C-alpha atoms as a PDB file:
ATOM      1  CA  MET A   1     128.098  38.258 113.673  1.00  0.00           C
ATOM      2  CA  ASN A   2     130.210  41.089 112.286  1.00  0.00           C
ATOM      3  CA  ARG A   3     127.211  42.261 110.231  1.00  0.00           C
ATOM      4  CA  ILE A   4     125.002  42.361 113.346  1.00  0.00           C
ATOM      5  CA  LEU A   5     127.674  44.243 115.307  1.00  0.00           C
ATOM      6  CA  TYR A   6     128.078  46.724 112.440  1.00  0.00           C
ATOM      7  CA  SER A   7     124.313  47.325 112.328  1.00  0.00           C
ATOM      8  CA  LEU A   8     124.170  47.947 116.082  1.00  0.00           C
ATOM      9  CA  CYS A   9     127.031  50.450 115.899  1.00  0.00           C
ATOM     10  CA  LEU A  10     125.357  52.248 112.993  1.00  0.00           C
ATOM     11  CA  LEU A  11     122.057  52.425 114.901  1.00  0.00           C
ATOM     12  CA  LEU A  12     123.849  53.778 117.997  1.00  0.00           C
ATOM     13  CA  LEU A  13     125.572  56.425 115.867  1.00  0.00           C
ATOM     14  CA  LEU A  14     122.251  57.531 114.359  1.00  0.00           C
ATOM     15  CA  LEU A  15     120.590  57.780 117.768  1.00  0.00           C
ATOM     16  CA  THR A  16     123.503  59.814 119.125  1.00  0.00           C
ATOM     17  CA  SER A  17     123.372  62.233 116.186  1.00  0.00           C
ATOM     18  CA  CYS A  18     119.628  62.714 116.666  1.00  0.00           C
ATOM     19  CA  ASN A  19     120.135  63.749 120.280  1.00  0.00           C
ATOM     20  CA  LYS A  20     123.013  66.105 119.548  1.00  0.00           C
ATOM     21  CA  LYS A  21     121.959  69.759 119.415  1.00  0.00           C
ATOM     22  CA  GLU A  22     122.857  71.267 116.067  1.00  0.00           C
ATOM     23  CA  PRO A  23     122.670  74.967 115.197  1.00  0.00           C
ATOM     24  CA  ASP A  24     119.048  75.582 114.249  1.00  0.00           C
ATOM     25  CA  LYS A  25     118.346  78.677 112.181  1.00  0.00           C
ATOM     26  CA  VAL A  26     114.632  78.482 112.926  1.00  0.00           C
ATOM     27  CA  GLU A  27     115.266  78.807 116.658  1.00  0.00           C
ATOM     28  CA  TYR A  28     117.353  81.948 116.579  1.00  0.00           C
ATOM     29  CA  VAL A  29     116.474  83.753 113.349  1.00  0.00           C
ATOM     30  CA  ASP A  30     112.937  84.814 112.443  1.00  0.00           C
ATOM     31  CA  GLU A  31     111.749  85.946 109.032  1.00  0.00           C
ATOM     32  CA  MET A  32     110.016  89.319 108.819  1.00  0.00           C
ATOM     33  CA  SER A  33     108.172  90.962 105.972  1.00  0.00           C
ATOM     34  CA  TYR A  34     106.574  94.377 105.515  1.00  0.00           C
ATOM     35  CA  LYS A  35     104.796  95.641 102.440  1.00  0.00           C
ATOM     36  CA  SER A  36     102.850  98.883 102.397  1.00  0.00           C
ATOM     37  CA  THR A  37     101.271  99.431  99.003  1.00  0.00           C
ATOM     38  CA  TYR A  38     100.735 103.154  98.422  1.00  0.00           C
ATOM     39  CA  TYR A  39      97.404 103.863  96.731  1.00  0.00           C
ATOM     40  CA  SER A  40      96.657 107.575  96.983  1.00  0.00           C
ATOM     41  CA  SER A  41      96.933 110.745  99.070  1.00  0.00           C
ATOM     42  CA  GLY A  42      95.619 114.273  99.271  1.00  0.00           C
ATOM     43  CA  PHE A  43      95.565 117.483 101.274  1.00  0.00           C
ATOM     44  CA  ALA A  44      92.793 119.227 103.155  1.00  0.00           C
ATOM     45  CA  THR A  45      91.237 122.229 101.445  1.00  0.00           C
ATOM     46  CA  GLU A  46      93.669 124.421 103.393  1.00  0.00           C
ATOM     47  CA  GLY A  47      96.472 124.022 105.907  1.00  0.00           C
ATOM     48  CA  ASN A  48      98.850 121.120 106.452  1.00  0.00           C
ATOM     49  CA  ASP A  49      96.438 118.264 107.213  1.00  0.00           C
ATOM     50  CA  TYR A  50      96.406 115.351 104.771  1.00  0.00           C
ATOM     51  CA  TYR A  51      95.375 111.746 104.239  1.00  0.00           C
ATOM     52  CA  TYR A  52      96.937 108.771 102.526  1.00  0.00           C
ATOM     53  CA  ILE A  53      95.741 105.304 101.636  1.00  0.00           C
ATOM     54  CA  ASN A  54      97.498 101.939 101.596  1.00  0.00           C
ATOM     55  CA  THR A  55      95.798  98.932 100.057  1.00  0.00           C
ATOM     56  CA  ASP A  56      96.151  95.166  99.800  1.00  0.00           C
ATOM     57  CA  LYS A  57      93.162  93.510  98.178  1.00  0.00           C
ATOM     58  CA  GLY A  58      94.363  90.004  98.939  1.00  0.00           C
ATOM     59  CA  SER A  59      94.962  90.477 102.664  1.00  0.00           C
ATOM     60  CA  LYS A  60      92.844  91.100 105.753  1.00  0.00           C
ATOM     61  CA  VAL A  61      95.695  93.118 107.274  1.00  0.00           C
ATOM     62  CA  VAL A  62      96.985  96.184 105.450  1.00  0.00           C
ATOM     63  CA  SER A  63     100.348  97.639 106.448  1.00  0.00           C
ATOM     64  CA  GLU A  64     100.608 101.401 106.317  1.00  0.00           C
ATOM     65  CA  GLY A  65     103.793 103.167 105.344  1.00  0.00           C
ATOM     66  CA  PRO A  66     104.993 106.124 107.415  1.00  0.00           C
ATOM     67  CA  SER A  67     104.792 109.717 106.213  1.00  0.00           C
ATOM     68  CA  VAL A  68     106.690 112.973 106.577  1.00  0.00           C
ATOM     69  CA  PRO A  69     104.291 115.788 107.538  1.00  0.00           C
ATOM     70  CA  SER A  70     103.343 117.571 105.384  1.00  0.00           C
ATOM     71  CA  ARG A  71     105.425 116.569 102.343  1.00  0.00           C
ATOM     72  CA  TYR A  72     105.931 112.874 101.664  1.00  0.00           C
ATOM     73  CA  ILE A  73     104.415 109.391 101.865  1.00  0.00           C
ATOM     74  CA  VAL A  74     106.923 106.576 102.362  1.00  0.00           C
ATOM     75  CA  ASP A  75     106.308 103.106 100.927  1.00  0.00           C
ATOM     76  CA  VAL A  76     108.210 100.095 102.306  1.00  0.00           C
ATOM     77  CA  ASP A  77     108.652  96.692 100.650  1.00  0.00           C
ATOM     78  CA  ALA A  78     110.965  94.535 102.748  1.00  0.00           C
ATOM     79  CA  ARG A  79     111.752  90.919 103.608  1.00  0.00           C
ATOM     80  CA  TYR A  80     114.511  90.287 106.119  1.00  0.00           C
ATOM     81  CA  GLU A  81     115.619  87.995 108.901  1.00  0.00           C
ATOM     82  CA  THR A  82     115.876  89.207 112.470  1.00  0.00           C
ATOM     83  CA  MET A  83     117.396  87.644 115.552  1.00  0.00           C
ATOM     84  CA  ASN A  84     115.245  86.137 118.277  1.00  0.00           C
ATOM     85  CA  TYR A  85     117.119  87.775 121.131  1.00  0.00           C
ATOM     86  CA  ILE A  86     114.750  86.395 123.769  1.00  0.00           C
ATOM     87  CA  ARG A  87     115.417  82.786 122.732  1.00  0.00           C
ATOM     88  CA  ILE A  88     119.158  83.478 122.513  1.00  0.00           C
ATOM     89  CA  ARG A  89     119.177  84.933 126.029  1.00  0.00           C
ATOM     90  CA  LYS A  90     117.208  81.995 127.455  1.00  0.00           C
ATOM     91  CA  ASP A  91     119.540  79.435 125.887  1.00  0.00           C
ATOM     92  CA  ASN A  92     122.537  81.420 127.118  1.00  0.00           C
ATOM     93  CA  GLU A  93     121.160  81.324 130.652  1.00  0.00           C
ATOM     94  CA  ALA A  94     120.438  77.591 130.297  1.00  0.00           C
ATOM     95  CA  GLY A  95     124.061  76.947 129.301  1.00  0.00           C
ATOM     96  CA  ILE A  96     123.191  75.756 125.789  1.00  0.00           C
ATOM     97  CA  GLU A  97     126.030  76.308 123.342  1.00  0.00           C
ATOM     98  CA  SER A  98     125.064  76.913 119.749  1.00  0.00           C
ATOM     99  CA  LYS A  99     126.260  78.944 116.818  1.00  0.00           C
ATOM    100  CA  ILE A 100     123.790  81.370 115.265  1.00  0.00           C
ATOM    101  CA  PRO A 101     123.562  81.986 111.505  1.00  0.00           C
ATOM    102  CA  ASP A 102     123.839  85.583 110.355  1.00  0.00           C
ATOM    103  CA  PRO A 103     120.447  87.131 109.521  1.00  0.00           C
ATOM    104  CA  VAL A 104     119.930  87.915 105.843  1.00  0.00           C
ATOM    105  CA  ILE A 105     118.214  90.874 104.179  1.00  0.00           C
ATOM    106  CA  LYS A 106     116.361  89.563 101.140  1.00  0.00           C
ATOM    107  CA  ASN A 107     115.069  92.907  99.912  1.00  0.00           C
ATOM    108  CA  PHE A 108     114.404  96.358 101.382  1.00  0.00           C
ATOM    109  CA  ILE A 109     113.044  98.970  98.984  1.00  0.00           C
ATOM    110  CA  VAL A 110     111.820 102.399 100.115  1.00  0.00           C
ATOM    111  CA  LYS A 111     109.815 104.651  97.791  1.00  0.00           C
ATOM    112  CA  VAL A 112     109.039 108.309  98.435  1.00  0.00           C
ATOM    113  CA  TYR A 113     105.885 109.964  97.048  1.00  0.00           C
ATOM    114  CA  ASP A 114     104.724 113.580  97.033  1.00  0.00           C
ATOM    115  CA  ILE A 115     101.487 113.947  99.046  1.00  0.00           C
ATOM    116  CA  GLY A 116      99.837 116.434  96.698  1.00  0.00           C
ATOM    117  CA  THR A 117     100.959 115.300  93.239  1.00  0.00           C
ATOM    118  CA  LYS A 118     101.254 111.576  94.165  1.00  0.00           C
ATOM    119  CA  GLU A 119     104.442 111.559  92.084  1.00  0.00           C
ATOM    120  CA  LEU A 120     107.145 109.002  92.852  1.00  0.00           C
ATOM    121  CA  LEU A 121     110.127 111.148  93.842  1.00  0.00           C
ATOM    122  CA  LYS A 122     112.786 108.632  94.815  1.00  0.00           C
ATOM    123  CA  THR A 123     113.465 104.895  95.178  1.00  0.00           C
ATOM    124  CA  ILE A 124     116.086 103.765  97.707  1.00  0.00           C
ATOM    125  CA  ASP A 125     117.564 100.253  98.050  1.00  0.00           C
ATOM    126  CA  VAL A 126     118.310  99.986 101.769  1.00  0.00           C
ATOM    127  CA  LYS A 127     119.778  96.454 101.583  1.00  0.00           C
ATOM    128  CA  PRO A 128     123.296  97.431 100.381  1.00  0.00           C
ATOM    129  CA  LEU A 129     123.365 100.369 102.783  1.00  0.00           C
ATOM    130  CA  VAL A 130     122.945  98.060 105.793  1.00  0.00           C
ATOM    131  CA  GLU A 131     125.185  95.305 104.413  1.00  0.00           C
ATOM    132  CA  ASN A 132     128.053  97.691 103.607  1.00  0.00           C
ATOM    133  CA  CYS A 133     127.806 100.085 106.550  1.00  0.00           C
ATOM    134  CA  GLY A 134     130.802  98.546 108.307  1.00  0.00           C
ATOM    135  CA  GLU A 135     128.856  97.457 111.393  1.00  0.00           C
ATOM    136  CA  ASP A 136     127.619  93.973 112.284  1.00  0.00           C
ATOM    137  CA  ILE A 137     123.932  94.827 112.729  1.00  0.00           C
ATOM    138  CA  CYS A 138     120.546  93.205 112.469  1.00  0.00           C
ATOM    139  CA  ILE A 139     117.232  94.847 111.538  1.00  0.00           C
ATOM    140  CA  THR A 140     114.743  94.407 114.372  1.00  0.00           C
ATOM    141  CA  ALA A 141     111.966  96.722 113.131  1.00  0.00           C
ATOM    142  CA  TYR A 142     108.376  95.532 112.823  1.00  0.00           C
ATOM    143  CA  ASP A 143     107.159  98.982 111.770  1.00  0.00           C
ATOM    144  CA  PHE A 144     108.756 102.263 110.745  1.00  0.00           C
ATOM    145  CA  ASP A 145     108.818 105.936 111.691  1.00  0.00           C
ATOM    146  CA  THR A 146     110.194 109.088 110.132  1.00  0.00           C
ATOM    147  CA  THR A 147     112.098 111.984 111.646  1.00  0.00           C
ATOM    148  CA  LEU A 148     113.946 115.192 110.799  1.00  0.00           C
ATOM    149  CA  ILE A 149     117.736 115.414 111.159  1.00  0.00           C
ATOM    150  CA  GLU A 150     119.397 118.747 110.403  1.00  0.00           C
ATOM    151  CA  GLY A 151     116.381 119.788 108.364  1.00  0.00           C
ATOM    152  CA  GLN A 152     116.324 116.609 106.234  1.00  0.00           C
ATOM    153  CA  PRO A 153     113.643 113.861 106.353  1.00  0.00           C
ATOM    154  CA  TYR A 154     114.733 110.340 107.303  1.00  0.00           C
ATOM    155  CA  ILE A 155     113.105 106.949 107.687  1.00  0.00           C
ATOM    156  CA  ILE A 156     113.994 105.258 110.986  1.00  0.00           C
ATOM    157  CA  ILE A 157     114.828 101.527 111.007  1.00  0.00           C
ATOM    158  CA  ALA A 158     115.385  99.818 114.368  1.00  0.00           C
ATOM    159  CA  ILE A 159     118.604  97.761 114.608  1.00  0.00           C
ATOM    160  CA  ARG A 160     120.736  95.858 117.140  1.00  0.00           C
ATOM    161  CA  ASP A 161     124.177  94.250 117.046  1.00  0.00           C
ATOM    162  CA  VAL A 162     124.356  90.701 115.677  1.00  0.00           C
ATOM    163  CA  VAL A 163     125.074  87.845 118.117  1.00  0.00           C
ATOM    164  CA  HIS A 164     127.013  84.936 116.570  1.00  0.00           C
ATOM    165  CA  SER A 165     126.520  82.330 119.304  1.00  0.00           C
ATOM    166  CA  THR A 166     124.509  81.785 122.467  1.00  0.00           C
ATOM    167  CA  THR A 167     127.687  81.872 124.556  1.00  0.00           C
ATOM    168  CA  GLU A 168     128.589  85.413 123.478  1.00  0.00           C
ATOM    169  CA  TYR A 169     125.122  86.829 124.137  1.00  0.00           C
ATOM    170  CA  LYS A 170     124.962  90.110 125.980  1.00  0.00           C
ATOM    171  CA  LEU A 171     122.373  92.847 126.194  1.00  0.00           C
ATOM    172  CA  THR A 172     123.092  94.776 123.014  1.00  0.00           C
ATOM    173  CA  LYS A 173     122.015  98.378 122.523  1.00  0.00           C
ATOM    174  CA  TYR A 174     119.014  99.325 120.463  1.00  0.00           C
ATOM    175  CA  LYS A 175     120.063 101.703 117.703  1.00  0.00           C
ATOM    176  CA  ARG A 176     118.487 103.478 114.754  1.00  0.00           C
ATOM    177  CA  PHE A 177     119.534 103.151 111.114  1.00  0.00           C
ATOM    178  CA  CYS A 178     118.312 106.406 109.563  1.00  0.00           C
ATOM    179  CA  VAL A 179     118.117 106.797 105.778  1.00  0.00           C
ATOM    180  CA  ASN A 180     117.790 110.228 104.169  1.00  0.00           C
ATOM    181  CA  LEU A 181     114.670 110.137 101.995  1.00  0.00           C
ATOM    182  CA  LEU A 182     115.998 112.769  99.604  1.00  0.00           C
ATOM    183  CA  THR A 183     119.631 111.705  99.148  1.00  0.00           C
ATOM    184  CA  GLY A 184     119.697 108.006 100.105  1.00  0.00           C
ATOM    185  CA  GLU A 185     122.541 108.594 102.576  1.00  0.00           C
ATOM    186  CA  TYR A 186     122.383 107.061 106.055  1.00  0.00           C
ATOM    187  CA  ILE A 187     123.509 107.656 109.619  1.00  0.00           C
ATOM    188  CA  ILE A 188     123.389 105.390 112.680  1.00  0.00           C
ATOM    189  CA  ARG A 189     122.080 106.975 115.894  1.00  0.00           C
ATOM    190  CA  GLU A 190     121.402 105.942 119.435  1.00  0.00           C
ATOM    191  CA  ARG A 191     117.746 105.263 120.125  1.00  0.00           C
ATOM    192  CA  GLU A 192     115.442 107.633 121.948  1.00  0.00           C
ATOM    193  CA  PRO A 193     115.191 107.277 125.767  1.00  0.00           C
ATOM    194  CA  SER A 194     113.441 104.202 127.116  1.00  0.00           C
ATOM    195  CA  GLY A 195     109.770 104.975 127.629  1.00  0.00           C
ATOM    196  CA  PHE A 196     109.696 107.759 125.018  1.00  0.00           C
ATOM    197  CA  LYS A 197     107.089 106.046 122.852  1.00  0.00           C
ATOM    198  CA  ASP A 198     105.008 105.091 125.890  1.00  0.00           C
ATOM    199  CA  LEU A 199     104.807 108.741 126.881  1.00  0.00           C
ATOM    200  CA  ARG A 200     103.769 109.681 123.352  1.00  0.00           C
ATOM    201  CA  TYR A 201     101.105 106.980 123.325  1.00  0.00           C
ATOM    202  CA  ALA A 202      99.737 108.159 126.677  1.00  0.00           C
ATOM    203  CA  GLU A 203      98.876 111.505 125.071  1.00  0.00           C
ATOM    204  CA  VAL A 204      96.163 109.809 122.976  1.00  0.00           C
ATOM    205  CA  ALA A 205      95.383 106.831 125.203  1.00  0.00           C
ATOM    206  CA  ILE A 206      91.817 108.041 125.731  1.00  0.00           C
ATOM    207  CA  PHE A 207      91.011 106.756 122.242  1.00  0.00           C
ATOM    208  CA  ALA A 208      92.382 103.323 123.089  1.00  0.00           C
ATOM    209  CA  LYS A 209      89.138 102.774 124.993  1.00  0.00           C
ATOM    210  CA  ARG A 210      87.351 102.475 121.685  1.00  0.00           C
ATOM    211  CA  TRP A 211      84.390 100.434 122.850  1.00  0.00           C
ATOM    212  CA  GLU A 212      83.593 103.052 125.472  1.00  0.00           C
ATOM    213  CA  PHE A 213      84.106 106.034 123.184  1.00  0.00           C
ATOM    214  CA  PHE A 214      81.826 104.581 120.505  1.00  0.00           C
ATOM    215  CA  SER A 215      79.168 103.361 122.910  1.00  0.00           C
ATOM    216  CA  ILE A 216      78.847 106.974 124.063  1.00  0.00           C
ATOM    217  CA  ASN A 217      79.168 108.679 120.682  1.00  0.00           C
ATOM    218  CA  SER A 218      77.626 106.240 118.214  1.00  0.00           C
ATOM    219  CA  PRO A 219      74.841 104.218 119.887  1.00  0.00           C
ATOM    220  CA  GLY A 220      73.570 101.466 117.652  1.00  0.00           C
ATOM    221  CA  ILE A 221      76.672 101.553 115.431  1.00  0.00           C
ATOM    222  CA  HIS A 222      79.237  98.790 115.839  1.00  0.00           C
ATOM    223  CA  TYR A 223      82.413 100.314 117.177  1.00  0.00           C
ATOM    224  CA  GLN A 224      85.495 100.320 114.994  1.00  0.00           C
ATOM    225  CA  GLU A 225      87.617  97.445 116.277  1.00  0.00           C
ATOM    226  CA  LYS A 226      90.671  98.324 114.196  1.00  0.00           C
ATOM    227  CA  MET A 227      90.390 102.108 114.244  1.00  0.00           C
ATOM    228  CA  PHE A 228      93.428 103.539 115.962  1.00  0.00           C
ATOM    229  CA  VAL A 229      94.556 107.008 117.020  1.00  0.00           C
ATOM    230  CA  HIS A 230      98.221 107.704 117.666  1.00  0.00           C
ATOM    231  CA  ASN A 231     100.787 110.490 117.759  1.00  0.00           C
ATOM    232  CA  MET A 232     103.525 110.695 115.173  1.00  0.00           C
ATOM    233  CA  ASN A 233     106.308 109.986 117.630  1.00  0.00           C
ATOM    234  CA  TYR A 234     108.978 112.318 116.259  1.00  0.00           C
ATOM    235  CA  TRP A 235     106.796 115.173 114.969  1.00  0.00           C
ATOM    236  CA  ASP A 236     105.280 118.016 116.944  1.00  0.00           C
ATOM    237  CA  GLY A 237     101.478 118.241 117.131  1.00  0.00           C
ATOM    238  CA  CYS A 238     100.627 115.470 114.634  1.00  0.00           C
ATOM    239  CA  ARG A 239      97.858 112.994 115.415  1.00  0.00           C
ATOM    240  CA  VAL A 240      96.863 110.194 113.070  1.00  0.00           C
ATOM    241  CA  ILE A 241      93.494 108.472 112.812  1.00  0.00           C
ATOM    242  CA  GLU A 242      93.781 105.098 111.092  1.00  0.00           C
ATOM    243  CA  PHE A 243      90.654 103.547 109.588  1.00  0.00           C
ATOM    244  CA  TYR A 244      90.096 100.431 107.567  1.00  0.00           C
ATOM    245  CA  VAL A 245      87.953 101.449 104.617  1.00  0.00           C
ATOM    246  CA  LYS A 246      84.887  99.642 105.981  1.00  0.00           C
ATOM    247  CA  GLU A 247      85.169 101.550 109.269  1.00  0.00           C
ATOM    248  CA  ILE A 248      85.524 105.134 108.100  1.00  0.00           C
ATOM    249  CA  PRO A 249      82.356 107.184 108.703  1.00  0.00           C
ATOM    250  CA  ILE A 250      79.870 106.969 105.847  1.00  0.00           C
ATOM    251  CA  ASN A 251      78.379 110.368 106.589  1.00  0.00           C
ATOM    252  CA  ASN A 252      80.624 112.961 108.173  1.00  0.00           C
ATOM    253  CA  GLU A 253      80.239 116.345 106.514  1.00  0.00           C
ATOM    254  CA  LYS A 254      83.268 117.843 108.245  1.00  0.00           C
ATOM    255  CA  LEU A 255      85.547 114.995 107.156  1.00  0.00           C
ATOM    256  CA  TYR A 256      84.525 114.946 103.515  1.00  0.00           C
ATOM    257  CA  SER A 257      84.278 118.715 103.099  1.00  0.00           C
ATOM    258  CA  ARG A 258      87.794 119.234 104.485  1.00  0.00           C
ATOM    259  CA  PHE A 259      89.176 116.384 102.356  1.00  0.00           C
ATOM    260  CA  PRO A 260      87.081 116.684  99.182  1.00  0.00           C
ATOM    261  CA  THR A 261      88.880 113.964  97.193  1.00  0.00           C
ATOM    262  CA  LEU A 262      88.551 111.348  99.938  1.00  0.00           C
ATOM    263  CA  LYS A 263      84.849 110.495  99.539  1.00  0.00           C
ATOM    264  CA  ALA A 264      85.159 109.333  95.927  1.00  0.00           C
ATOM    265  CA  GLU A 265      88.218 107.244  96.749  1.00  0.00           C
ATOM    266  CA  VAL A 266      86.465 105.548  99.677  1.00  0.00           C
ATOM    267  CA  GLU A 267      83.436 104.737  97.532  1.00  0.00           C
ATOM    268  CA  LYS A 268      85.643 103.355  94.737  1.00  0.00           C
ATOM    269  CA  LEU A 269      87.559 101.126  97.169  1.00  0.00           C
ATOM    270  CA  LYS A 270      84.321  99.795  98.634  1.00  0.00           C
ATOM    271  CA  ALA A 271      82.840  99.139  95.200  1.00  0.00           C
ATOM    272  CA  GLU A 272      85.952  97.149  94.241  1.00  0.00           C
ATOM    273  CA  ASP A 273      85.887  95.307  97.593  1.00  0.00           C
ATOM    274  CA  ASN A 274      89.460  96.492  97.985  1.00  0.00           C
ATOM    275  CA  ASN A 275      90.783  96.257 101.527  1.00  0.00           C
ATOM    276  CA  ALA A 276      92.522  99.504 102.415  1.00  0.00           C
ATOM    277  CA  ARG A 277      93.797 101.478 105.368  1.00  0.00           C
ATOM    278  CA  ILE A 278      93.192 105.225 105.450  1.00  0.00           C
ATOM    279  CA  ASN A 279      95.459 107.446 107.515  1.00  0.00           C
ATOM    280  CA  LEU A 280      94.081 110.875 108.386  1.00  0.00           C
ATOM    281  CA  VAL A 281      96.901 113.120 109.619  1.00  0.00           C
ATOM    282  CA  LEU A 282      95.870 116.149 111.677  1.00  0.00           C
ATOM    283  CA  THR A 283      98.600 118.709 112.352  1.00  0.00           C
ATOM    284  CA  GLY A 284      98.780 121.770 114.609  1.00  0.00           C
ATOM    285  CA  ASN A 285      98.188 119.839 117.847  1.00  0.00           C
ATOM    286  CA  PRO A 286      94.439 119.213 117.404  1.00  0.00           C
ATOM    287  CA  SER A 287      92.296 118.919 120.524  1.00  0.00           C
ATOM    288  CA  TYR A 288      90.726 115.632 121.587  1.00  0.00           C
ATOM    289  CA  GLU A 289      87.358 117.013 120.524  1.00  0.00           C
ATOM    290  CA  GLU A 290      88.756 117.908 117.105  1.00  0.00           C
ATOM    291  CA  VAL A 291      90.109 114.386 116.612  1.00  0.00           C
ATOM    292  CA  ALA A 292      86.813 112.880 117.755  1.00  0.00           C
ATOM    293  CA  SER A 293      84.822 114.996 115.316  1.00  0.00           C
ATOM    294  CA  TYR A 294      86.295 113.067 112.371  1.00  0.00           C
ATOM    295  CA  ILE A 295      85.485 109.666 113.842  1.00  0.00           C
ATOM    296  CA  VAL A 296      81.731 109.767 114.516  1.00  0.00           C
ATOM    297  CA  GLU A 297      78.849 109.760 112.068  1.00  0.00           C
ATOM    298  CA  ASP A 298      76.815 112.897 111.451  1.00  0.00           C
ATOM    299  CA  GLY A 299      74.099 113.412 114.038  1.00  0.00           C
ATOM    300  CA  PHE A 300      76.344 112.673 117.002  1.00  0.00           C
ATOM    301  CA  GLU A 301      78.120 115.490 118.815  1.00  0.00           C
ATOM    302  CA  PRO A 302      81.402 113.959 119.998  1.00  0.00           C
ATOM    303  CA  THR A 303      81.729 113.892 123.770  1.00  0.00           C
ATOM    304  CA  PHE A 304      83.865 112.283 126.448  1.00  0.00           C
ATOM    305  CA  ASP A 305      81.180 112.711 129.094  1.00  0.00           C
ATOM    306  CA  GLY A 306      80.688 109.374 130.872  1.00  0.00           C
ATOM    307  CA  MET A 307      84.059 107.851 130.052  1.00  0.00           C
ATOM    308  CA  ARG A 308      85.950 106.155 132.860  1.00  0.00           C
ATOM    309  CA  VAL A 309      89.483 105.928 134.166  1.00  0.00           C
ATOM    310  CA  LEU A 310      89.826 102.475 135.732  1.00  0.00           C
ATOM    311  CA  GLY A 311      91.432 101.895 139.107  1.00  0.00           C
ATOM    312  CA  ASN A 312      94.555 100.206 137.710  1.00  0.00           C
ATOM    313  CA  GLU A 313      95.321 103.268 135.562  1.00  0.00           C
ATOM    314  CA  SER A 314      94.294 106.124 137.841  1.00  0.00           C
ATOM    315  CA  ILE A 315      96.592 108.216 139.992  1.00  0.00           C
ATOM    316  CA  ASP A 316      94.803 107.224 143.207  1.00  0.00           C
ATOM    317  CA  GLY A 317      93.820 103.629 142.407  1.00  0.00           C
ATOM    318  CA  GLN A 318      90.143 104.545 142.256  1.00  0.00           C
ATOM    319  CA  LYS A 319      87.740 104.371 139.325  1.00  0.00           C
ATOM    320  CA  HIS A 320      86.599 107.766 138.028  1.00  0.00           C
ATOM    321  CA  THR A 321      83.769 108.681 135.674  1.00  0.00           C
ATOM    322  CA  VAL A 322      84.619 111.932 133.930  1.00  0.00           C
ATOM    323  CA  HIS A 323      82.889 114.621 131.891  1.00  0.00           C
ATOM    324  CA  SER A 324      85.652 115.729 129.520  1.00  0.00           C
ATOM    325  CA  ALA A 325      88.940 114.637 127.985  1.00  0.00           C
ATOM    326  CA  GLU A 326      90.788 117.113 130.189  1.00  0.00           C
ATOM    327  CA  GLU A 327      89.275 115.547 133.298  1.00  0.00           C
ATOM    328  CA  TRP A 328      90.107 112.048 132.038  1.00  0.00           C
ATOM    329  CA  TYR A 329      93.761 113.019 131.775  1.00  0.00           C
ATOM    330  CA  LYS A 330      93.677 114.602 135.205  1.00  0.00           C
ATOM    331  CA  TYR A 331      93.277 111.094 136.655  1.00  0.00           C
ATOM    332  CA  TYR A 332      95.208 109.029 134.081  1.00  0.00           C
ATOM    333  CA  LYS A 333      98.489 108.143 135.811  1.00  0.00           C
ATOM    334  CA  TYR A 334     100.529 107.399 132.683  1.00  0.00           C
ATOM    335  CA  TYR A 335     100.097 110.900 131.272  1.00  0.00           C
ATOM    336  CA  LYS A 336     103.408 112.602 132.144  1.00  0.00           C
ATOM    337  CA  PRO A 337     104.171 115.318 129.577  1.00  0.00           C
ATOM    338  CA  GLU A 338     106.809 116.828 131.857  1.00  0.00           C
ATOM    339  CA  GLU A 339     108.963 113.697 131.383  1.00  0.00           C
ATOM    340  CA  LEU A 340     108.987 113.841 127.571  1.00  0.00           C
ATOM    341  CA  ASP A 341     112.370 114.460 125.922  1.00  0.00           C
ATOM    342  CA  TRP A 342     111.534 117.122 123.336  1.00  0.00           C
ATOM    343  CA  SER A 343     114.944 116.930 121.674  1.00  0.00           C
ATOM    344  CA  PHE A 344     113.602 114.009 119.616  1.00  0.00           C
ATOM    345  CA  ILE A 345     110.505 115.900 118.418  1.00  0.00           C
ATOM    346  CA  ASN A 346     110.629 118.066 115.296  1.00  0.00           C
ATOM    347  CA  PRO A 347     108.532 120.741 113.596  1.00  0.00           C
ATOM    348  CA  ILE A 348     106.702 119.600 110.479  1.00  0.00           C
ATOM    349  CA  LEU A 349     107.717 120.496 106.934  1.00  0.00           C
ATOM    350  CA  PRO A 350     104.856 122.769 105.830  1.00  0.00           C
ATOM    351  CA  ARG A 351     102.851 121.982 102.742  1.00  0.00           C
ATOM    352  CA  GLU A 352     104.355 123.350  99.527  1.00  0.00           C
ATOM    353  CA  GLU A 353     101.920 125.268  97.355  1.00  0.00           C
END
């Protein structure tokens, strides 16, 4: 009888422990990784425009490192844990009490290369900088930018304050952990105004309608699904065209004459079946037509004639078919250059001869 009673009590204890909510690291802490493998880079025949290549033969997705126009390519190799602030907030609102493990940085190495010589200039271990900065912070970045602070180039890493339990959750500020790429020193800054990056993206949003752009400019050629055009958020007049190696134009005389070392590198990567991402950086505030001229194959004069602004994105709620990029932006309601905070935008560092 005592043995039966003991067994029942043990079973009840096990069932109770199964139902009890224990701190679960998987729920509140996510693992992040970022590895951009620098392959090569080079300048245009003249001026400050340049390209750089990241590669990862074993992966379908290639992460690109940021760059500092027109001086440096930045390579990032990082594995770190970040807090799932959305889940923490939801459990806080639901009244669930749970402790949260501190996120861990496993490794965070930044390498700096010279664009022209391809020489490795500096290697920075960011992990001890964050861990010993004296603030209880968590890396939240899923990609990286660069900026200029008092004339010095920095990599920008997004951070927030650590939350140790669901009960103490509050809306913590987004901040920036900025590491000097030349000295390895760091500073912590407040983030740019909310909506800053959206305004920067709006300046090149016309290229987001890739299927439409390519159906007009390259009939019969499958449009580049992963090609992407964006502004460099913190640099004045810099637009980047990102291609996977299989998407870059095969025949574009302007592209390959301006960047004479690029053609051979593209052909070598294709021959090796090496998956790579090519970043073409155009400086000096290039026009939409100038950007487009590097995207299409020879034989097609780039045009925006026939592109549309849909009703949900137009200033008057109506659909408009336009004849130029300038007209497209006349109707595009998210284009608001007058609202951009220029204090966060810097002049480039000109190419060194």
